[in-house]
Amino acid sequence: MAVYRALFKAHVDGKLIEDIRRAVNKGLELGNESFKDEVEVLYGRRVRQARMGRPVKSLI
Protein backbone atom coordinates (compact mmCIF):
# COMPACT_ATOMS: atom_id res chain seq x y z
CA MET A 1 0.00 0.00 0.00
CA ALA A 2 2.88 2.40 0.74
CA VAL A 3 4.28 1.99 -2.77
CA TYR A 4 0.88 2.84 -4.25
CA ARG A 5 0.62 6.00 -2.13
CA ALA A 6 4.16 7.01 -3.06
CA LEU A 7 3.16 6.87 -6.71
CA PHE A 8 0.86 9.88 -6.19
CA LYS A 9 3.25 12.00 -4.11
CA ALA A 10 5.12 13.17 -7.19
CA HIS A 11 3.80 16.31 -8.88
CA VAL A 12 2.78 15.89 -12.51
CA ASP A 13 3.13 18.97 -14.70
CA GLY A 14 -0.18 20.44 -15.91
CA LYS A 15 0.96 20.30 -19.56
CA LEU A 16 1.71 16.59 -19.25
CA ILE A 17 -1.72 15.95 -17.74
CA GLU A 18 -3.36 17.82 -20.64
CA ASP A 19 -1.33 15.80 -23.15
CA ILE A 20 -2.29 12.53 -21.46
CA ARG A 21 -5.99 13.44 -21.40
CA ARG A 22 -5.97 14.53 -25.05
CA ALA A 23 -4.26 11.31 -26.15
CA VAL A 24 -6.61 9.10 -24.12
CA ASN A 25 -9.76 10.91 -25.26
CA LYS A 26 -8.76 10.70 -28.93
CA GLY A 27 -7.27 7.20 -28.76
CA LEU A 28 -3.84 8.43 -29.85
CA GLU A 29 -0.35 7.49 -28.72
CA LEU A 30 1.60 9.76 -26.40
CA GLY A 31 5.32 9.97 -27.06
CA ASN A 32 7.97 11.47 -29.28
CA GLU A 33 7.89 11.19 -33.07
CA SER A 34 10.24 8.19 -33.26
CA PHE A 35 8.05 6.30 -30.78
CA LYS A 36 4.96 7.08 -32.85
CA ASP A 37 6.75 5.97 -36.03
CA GLU A 38 7.65 2.66 -34.39
CA VAL A 39 4.10 2.05 -33.14
CA GLU A 40 2.67 2.79 -36.60
CA VAL A 41 5.02 0.25 -38.18
CA LEU A 42 4.42 -2.41 -35.52
CA TYR A 43 0.63 -2.17 -35.50
CA GLY A 44 -0.05 -0.94 -39.02
CA ARG A 45 -2.32 1.86 -37.92
CA ARG A 46 -2.14 5.63 -37.67
CA VAL A 47 -1.38 6.95 -34.18
CA ARG A 48 -1.33 10.66 -35.01
CA GLN A 49 -4.35 12.89 -35.33
CA ALA A 50 -5.54 13.27 -38.91
CA ARG A 51 -6.07 16.69 -40.46
CA MET A 52 -9.55 18.09 -40.02
CA GLY A 53 -11.83 18.68 -43.00
CA ARG A 54 -12.13 17.26 -46.45
CA PRO A 55 -9.09 15.96 -48.29
CA VAL A 56 -7.70 18.33 -50.92
CA LYS A 57 -8.51 17.21 -54.47
CA SER A 58 -5.65 16.59 -56.82
CA LEU A 59 -5.48 18.96 -59.80
CA ILE A 60 -4.11 16.24 -62.07
PDB file of N, CA and C in Angstrom:
ATOM      1  N   MET A   1       0.826  -1.194   0.000  1.00  0.00           N
ATOM      2  CA  MET A   1       0.000   0.000   0.000  1.00  0.00           C
ATOM      3  C   MET A   1       0.871   1.259   0.000  1.00  0.00           C
ATOM      4  N   ALA A   2       1.999   1.231   0.671  1.00  0.00           N
ATOM      5  CA  ALA A   2       2.879   2.399   0.743  1.00  0.00           C
ATOM      6  C   ALA A   2       3.435   2.750  -0.629  1.00  0.00           C
ATOM      7  N   VAL A   3       3.747   1.751  -1.430  1.00  0.00           N
ATOM      8  CA  VAL A   3       4.280   1.994  -2.774  1.00  0.00           C
ATOM      9  C   VAL A   3       3.219   2.673  -3.634  1.00  0.00           C
ATOM     10  N   TYR A   4       1.974   2.246  -3.498  1.00  0.00           N
ATOM     11  CA  TYR A   4       0.876   2.844  -4.252  1.00  0.00           C
ATOM     12  C   TYR A   4       0.693   4.312  -3.863  1.00  0.00           C
ATOM     13  N   ARG A   5       0.743   4.616  -2.592  1.00  0.00           N
ATOM     14  CA  ARG A   5       0.622   6.001  -2.127  1.00  0.00           C
ATOM     15  C   ARG A   5       1.791   6.845  -2.608  1.00  0.00           C
ATOM     16  N   ALA A   6       2.971   6.282  -2.613  1.00  0.00           N
ATOM     17  CA  ALA A   6       4.163   7.014  -3.058  1.00  0.00           C
ATOM     18  C   ALA A   6       4.057   7.394  -4.536  1.00  0.00           C
ATOM     19  N   LEU A   7       3.351   6.591  -5.300  1.00  0.00           N
ATOM     20  CA  LEU A   7       3.159   6.872  -6.715  1.00  0.00           C
ATOM     21  C   LEU A   7       2.496   8.231  -6.932  1.00  0.00           C
ATOM     22  N   PHE A   8       1.618   8.642  -6.023  1.00  0.00           N
ATOM     23  CA  PHE A   8       0.862   9.875  -6.189  1.00  0.00           C
ATOM     24  C   PHE A   8       1.456  11.067  -5.436  1.00  0.00           C
ATOM     25  N   LYS A   9       2.596  10.901  -4.799  1.00  0.00           N
ATOM     26  CA  LYS A   9       3.246  12.001  -4.107  1.00  0.00           C
ATOM     27  C   LYS A   9       3.982  12.919  -5.080  1.00  0.00           C
ATOM     28  N   ALA A  10       4.387  12.386  -6.198  1.00  0.00           N
ATOM     29  CA  ALA A  10       5.116  13.175  -7.188  1.00  0.00           C
ATOM     30  C   ALA A  10       4.157  14.110  -7.916  1.00  0.00           C
ATOM     31  N   HIS A  11       4.606  15.331  -8.152  1.00  0.00           N
ATOM     32  CA  HIS A  11       3.798  16.310  -8.876  1.00  0.00           C
ATOM     33  C   HIS A  11       3.920  16.066 -10.373  1.00  0.00           C
ATOM     34  N   VAL A  12       2.790  16.051 -11.058  1.00  0.00           N
ATOM     35  CA  VAL A  12       2.779  15.887 -12.505  1.00  0.00           C
ATOM     36  C   VAL A  12       2.456  17.245 -13.121  1.00  0.00           C
ATOM     37  N   ASP A  13       3.290  17.681 -14.039  1.00  0.00           N
ATOM     38  CA  ASP A  13       3.132  18.967 -14.704  1.00  0.00           C
ATOM     39  C   ASP A  13       1.770  19.068 -15.388  1.00  0.00           C
ATOM     40  N   GLY A  14       1.140  20.227 -15.314  1.00  0.00           N
ATOM     41  CA  GLY A  14      -0.177  20.444 -15.911  1.00  0.00           C
ATOM     42  C   GLY A  14      -0.203  20.186 -17.408  1.00  0.00           C
ATOM     43  N   LYS A  15       0.873  20.538 -18.114  1.00  0.00           N
ATOM     44  CA  LYS A  15       0.960  20.302 -19.563  1.00  0.00           C
ATOM     45  C   LYS A  15       0.956  18.808 -19.863  1.00  0.00           C
ATOM     46  N   LEU A  16       1.678  18.036 -19.057  1.00  0.00           N
ATOM     47  CA  LEU A  16       1.713  16.589 -19.253  1.00  0.00           C
ATOM     48  C   LEU A  16       0.332  15.982 -19.018  1.00  0.00           C
ATOM     49  N   ILE A  17      -0.365  16.454 -18.004  1.00  0.00           N
ATOM     50  CA  ILE A  17      -1.719  15.950 -17.735  1.00  0.00           C
ATOM     51  C   ILE A  17      -2.643  16.251 -18.912  1.00  0.00           C
ATOM     52  N   GLU A  18      -2.550  17.460 -19.469  1.00  0.00           N
ATOM     53  CA  GLU A  18      -3.361  17.817 -20.638  1.00  0.00           C
ATOM     54  C   GLU A  18      -3.036  16.912 -21.825  1.00  0.00           C
ATOM     55  N   ASP A  19      -1.747  16.666 -22.049  1.00  0.00           N
ATOM     56  CA  ASP A  19      -1.328  15.799 -23.151  1.00  0.00           C
ATOM     57  C   ASP A  19      -1.853  14.377 -22.969  1.00  0.00           C
ATOM     58  N   ILE A  20      -1.788  13.876 -21.753  1.00  0.00           N
ATOM     59  CA  ILE A  20      -2.290  12.525 -21.457  1.00  0.00           C
ATOM     60  C   ILE A  20      -3.786  12.455 -21.709  1.00  0.00           C
ATOM     61  N   ARG A  21      -4.526  13.432 -21.217  1.00  0.00           N
ATOM     62  CA  ARG A  21      -5.987  13.443 -21.398  1.00  0.00           C
ATOM     63  C   ARG A  21      -6.360  13.522 -22.871  1.00  0.00           C
ATOM     64  N   ARG A  22      -5.680  14.380 -23.627  1.00  0.00           N
ATOM     65  CA  ARG A  22      -5.967  14.532 -25.053  1.00  0.00           C
ATOM     66  C   ARG A  22      -5.713  13.213 -25.785  1.00  0.00           C
ATOM     67  N   ALA A  23      -4.595  12.578 -25.488  1.00  0.00           N
ATOM     68  CA  ALA A  23      -4.256  11.311 -26.146  1.00  0.00           C
ATOM     69  C   ALA A  23      -5.264  10.222 -25.803  1.00  0.00           C
ATOM     70  N   VAL A  24      -5.650  10.131 -24.548  1.00  0.00           N
ATOM     71  CA  VAL A  24      -6.609   9.101 -24.121  1.00  0.00           C
ATOM     72  C   VAL A  24      -7.975   9.348 -24.754  1.00  0.00           C
ATOM     73  N   ASN A  25      -8.435  10.590 -24.720  1.00  0.00           N
ATOM     74  CA  ASN A  25      -9.755  10.908 -25.262  1.00  0.00           C
ATOM     75  C   ASN A  25      -9.847  10.674 -26.761  1.00  0.00           C
ATOM     76  N   LYS A  26      -8.754  10.865 -27.473  1.00  0.00           N
ATOM     77  CA  LYS A  26      -8.765  10.696 -28.926  1.00  0.00           C
ATOM     78  C   LYS A  26      -8.233   9.335 -29.363  1.00  0.00           C
ATOM     79  N   GLY A  27      -7.789   8.517 -28.423  1.00  0.00           N
ATOM     80  CA  GLY A  27      -7.274   7.195 -28.761  1.00  0.00           C
ATOM     81  C   GLY A  27      -5.951   7.252 -29.504  1.00  0.00           C
ATOM     82  N   LEU A  28      -5.121   8.252 -29.186  1.00  0.00           N
ATOM     83  CA  LEU A  28      -3.842   8.429 -29.853  1.00  0.00           C
ATOM     84  C   LEU A  28      -2.701   8.051 -28.920  1.00  0.00           C
ATOM     85  N   GLU A  29      -1.533   7.823 -29.508  1.00  0.00           N
ATOM     86  CA  GLU A  29      -0.347   7.494 -28.720  1.00  0.00           C
ATOM     87  C   GLU A  29       0.260   8.765 -28.150  1.00  0.00           C
ATOM     88  N   LEU A  30       0.909   8.640 -27.015  1.00  0.00           N
ATOM     89  CA  LEU A  30       1.604   9.759 -26.395  1.00  0.00           C
ATOM     90  C   LEU A  30       3.082   9.411 -26.360  1.00  0.00           C
ATOM     91  N   GLY A  31       3.892  10.212 -27.020  1.00  0.00           N
ATOM     92  CA  GLY A  31       5.324   9.968 -27.062  1.00  0.00           C
ATOM     93  C   GLY A  31       5.972  10.833 -28.119  1.00  0.00           C
ATOM     94  N   ASN A  32       7.266  10.674 -28.279  1.00  0.00           N
ATOM     95  CA  ASN A  32       7.966  11.471 -29.282  1.00  0.00           C
ATOM     96  C   ASN A  32       7.708  10.882 -30.678  1.00  0.00           C
ATOM     97  N   GLU A  33       8.177  11.589 -31.695  1.00  0.00           N
ATOM     98  CA  GLU A  33       7.893  11.188 -33.075  1.00  0.00           C
ATOM     99  C   GLU A  33       8.475   9.819 -33.439  1.00  0.00           C
ATOM    100  N   SER A  34       9.660   9.503 -32.941  1.00  0.00           N
ATOM    101  CA  SER A  34      10.239   8.190 -33.264  1.00  0.00           C
ATOM    102  C   SER A  34       9.437   7.064 -32.620  1.00  0.00           C
ATOM    103  N   PHE A  35       8.910   7.292 -31.425  1.00  0.00           N
ATOM    104  CA  PHE A  35       8.051   6.299 -30.777  1.00  0.00           C
ATOM    105  C   PHE A  35       6.781   6.085 -31.599  1.00  0.00           C
ATOM    106  N   LYS A  36       6.175   7.188 -32.052  1.00  0.00           N
ATOM    107  CA  LYS A  36       4.956   7.083 -32.853  1.00  0.00           C
ATOM    108  C   LYS A  36       5.222   6.374 -34.164  1.00  0.00           C
ATOM    109  N   ASP A  37       6.376   6.669 -34.797  1.00  0.00           N
ATOM    110  CA  ASP A  37       6.749   5.971 -36.032  1.00  0.00           C
ATOM    111  C   ASP A  37       6.840   4.469 -35.799  1.00  0.00           C
ATOM    112  N   GLU A  38       7.474   4.083 -34.710  1.00  0.00           N
ATOM    113  CA  GLU A  38       7.645   2.664 -34.388  1.00  0.00           C
ATOM    114  C   GLU A  38       6.308   1.982 -34.143  1.00  0.00           C
ATOM    115  N   VAL A  39       5.412   2.630 -33.424  1.00  0.00           N
ATOM    116  CA  VAL A  39       4.095   2.051 -33.142  1.00  0.00           C
ATOM    117  C   VAL A  39       3.304   1.896 -34.435  1.00  0.00           C
ATOM    118  N   GLU A  40       3.381   2.895 -35.317  1.00  0.00           N
ATOM    119  CA  GLU A  40       2.667   2.794 -36.596  1.00  0.00           C
ATOM    120  C   GLU A  40       3.154   1.607 -37.416  1.00  0.00           C
ATOM    121  N   VAL A  41       4.464   1.374 -37.430  1.00  0.00           N
ATOM    122  CA  VAL A  41       5.019   0.248 -38.178  1.00  0.00           C
ATOM    123  C   VAL A  41       4.615  -1.074 -37.531  1.00  0.00           C
ATOM    124  N   LEU A  42       4.727  -1.160 -36.224  1.00  0.00           N
ATOM    125  CA  LEU A  42       4.420  -2.410 -35.524  1.00  0.00           C
ATOM    126  C   LEU A  42       2.959  -2.822 -35.645  1.00  0.00           C
ATOM    127  N   TYR A  43       2.059  -1.847 -35.537  1.00  0.00           N
ATOM    128  CA  TYR A  43       0.632  -2.174 -35.501  1.00  0.00           C
ATOM    129  C   TYR A  43      -0.111  -1.874 -36.790  1.00  0.00           C
ATOM    130  N   GLY A  44       0.570  -1.213 -37.738  1.00  0.00           N
ATOM    131  CA  GLY A  44      -0.049  -0.944 -39.025  1.00  0.00           C
ATOM    132  C   GLY A  44      -1.249  -0.026 -38.946  1.00  0.00           C
ATOM    133  N   ARG A  45      -1.218   0.909 -38.017  1.00  0.00           N
ATOM    134  CA  ARG A  45      -2.321   1.863 -37.921  1.00  0.00           C
ATOM    135  C   ARG A  45      -1.775   3.241 -37.561  1.00  0.00           C
ATOM    136  N   ARG A  46      -2.542   4.259 -37.935  1.00  0.00           N
ATOM    137  CA  ARG A  46      -2.139   5.630 -37.670  1.00  0.00           C
ATOM    138  C   ARG A  46      -2.294   5.929 -36.179  1.00  0.00           C
ATOM    139  N   VAL A  47      -1.312   6.603 -35.596  1.00  0.00           N
ATOM    140  CA  VAL A  47      -1.379   6.945 -34.180  1.00  0.00           C
ATOM    141  C   VAL A  47      -1.312   8.462 -33.969  1.00  0.00           C
ATOM    142  N   ARG A  48      -1.321   9.194 -35.082  1.00  0.00           N
ATOM    143  CA  ARG A  48      -1.331  10.659 -35.009  1.00  0.00           C
ATOM    144  C   ARG A  48      -2.699  11.151 -35.438  1.00  0.00           C
ATOM    145  N   GLN A  49      -3.067  12.325 -34.965  1.00  0.00           N
ATOM    146  CA  GLN A  49      -4.355  12.888 -35.328  1.00  0.00           C
ATOM    147  C   GLN A  49      -4.350  13.284 -36.798  1.00  0.00           C
ATOM    148  N   ALA A  50      -5.414  12.924 -37.498  1.00  0.00           N
ATOM    149  CA  ALA A  50      -5.545  13.274 -38.909  1.00  0.00           C
ATOM    150  C   ALA A  50      -5.933  14.742 -39.040  1.00  0.00           C
ATOM    151  N   ARG A  51      -5.654  15.312 -40.202  1.00  0.00           N
ATOM    152  CA  ARG A  51      -6.066  16.687 -40.460  1.00  0.00           C
ATOM    153  C   ARG A  51      -7.578  16.768 -40.497  1.00  0.00           C
ATOM    154  N   MET A  52      -8.109  17.879 -40.045  1.00  0.00           N
ATOM    155  CA  MET A  52      -9.552  18.087 -40.019  1.00  0.00           C
ATOM    156  C   MET A  52     -10.017  18.555 -41.410  1.00  0.00           C
ATOM    157  N   GLY A  53     -11.237  18.220 -41.753  1.00  0.00           N
ATOM    158  CA  GLY A  53     -11.827  18.680 -42.995  1.00  0.00           C
ATOM    159  C   GLY A  53     -11.691  17.688 -44.126  1.00  0.00           C
ATOM    160  N   ARG A  54     -12.168  18.108 -45.267  1.00  0.00           N
ATOM    161  CA  ARG A  54     -12.127  17.265 -46.447  1.00  0.00           C
ATOM    162  C   ARG A  54     -10.720  17.183 -47.020  1.00  0.00           C
ATOM    163  N   PRO A  55     -10.377  16.054 -47.616  1.00  0.00           N
ATOM    164  CA  PRO A  55      -9.090  15.961 -48.286  1.00  0.00           C
ATOM    165  C   PRO A  55      -9.036  16.912 -49.488  1.00  0.00           C
ATOM    166  N   VAL A  56      -7.880  17.447 -49.778  1.00  0.00           N
ATOM    167  CA  VAL A  56      -7.704  18.334 -50.916  1.00  0.00           C
ATOM    168  C   VAL A  56      -7.686  17.500 -52.188  1.00  0.00           C
ATOM    169  N   LYS A  57      -8.462  17.936 -53.198  1.00  0.00           N
ATOM    170  CA  LYS A  57      -8.514  17.208 -54.471  1.00  0.00           C
ATOM    171  C   LYS A  57      -7.247  17.474 -55.261  1.00  0.00           C
ATOM    172  N   SER A  58      -6.812  16.460 -55.944  1.00  0.00           N
ATOM    173  CA  SER A  58      -5.646  16.586 -56.820  1.00  0.00           C
ATOM    174  C   SER A  58      -6.065  17.333 -58.084  1.00  0.00           C
ATOM    175  N   LEU A  59      -5.185  18.206 -58.597  1.00  0.00           N
ATOM    176  CA  LEU A  59      -5.478  18.963 -59.804  1.00  0.00           C
ATOM    177  C   LEU A  59      -5.097  18.203 -61.067  1.00  0.00           C
ATOM    178  N   ILE A  60      -4.542  17.035 -60.907  1.00  0.00           N
ATOM    179  CA  ILE A  60      -4.112  16.241 -62.067  1.00  0.00           C
ATOM    180  C   ILE A  60      -5.238  15.415 -62.595  1.00  0.00           C
TER     181      ILE A  60
END
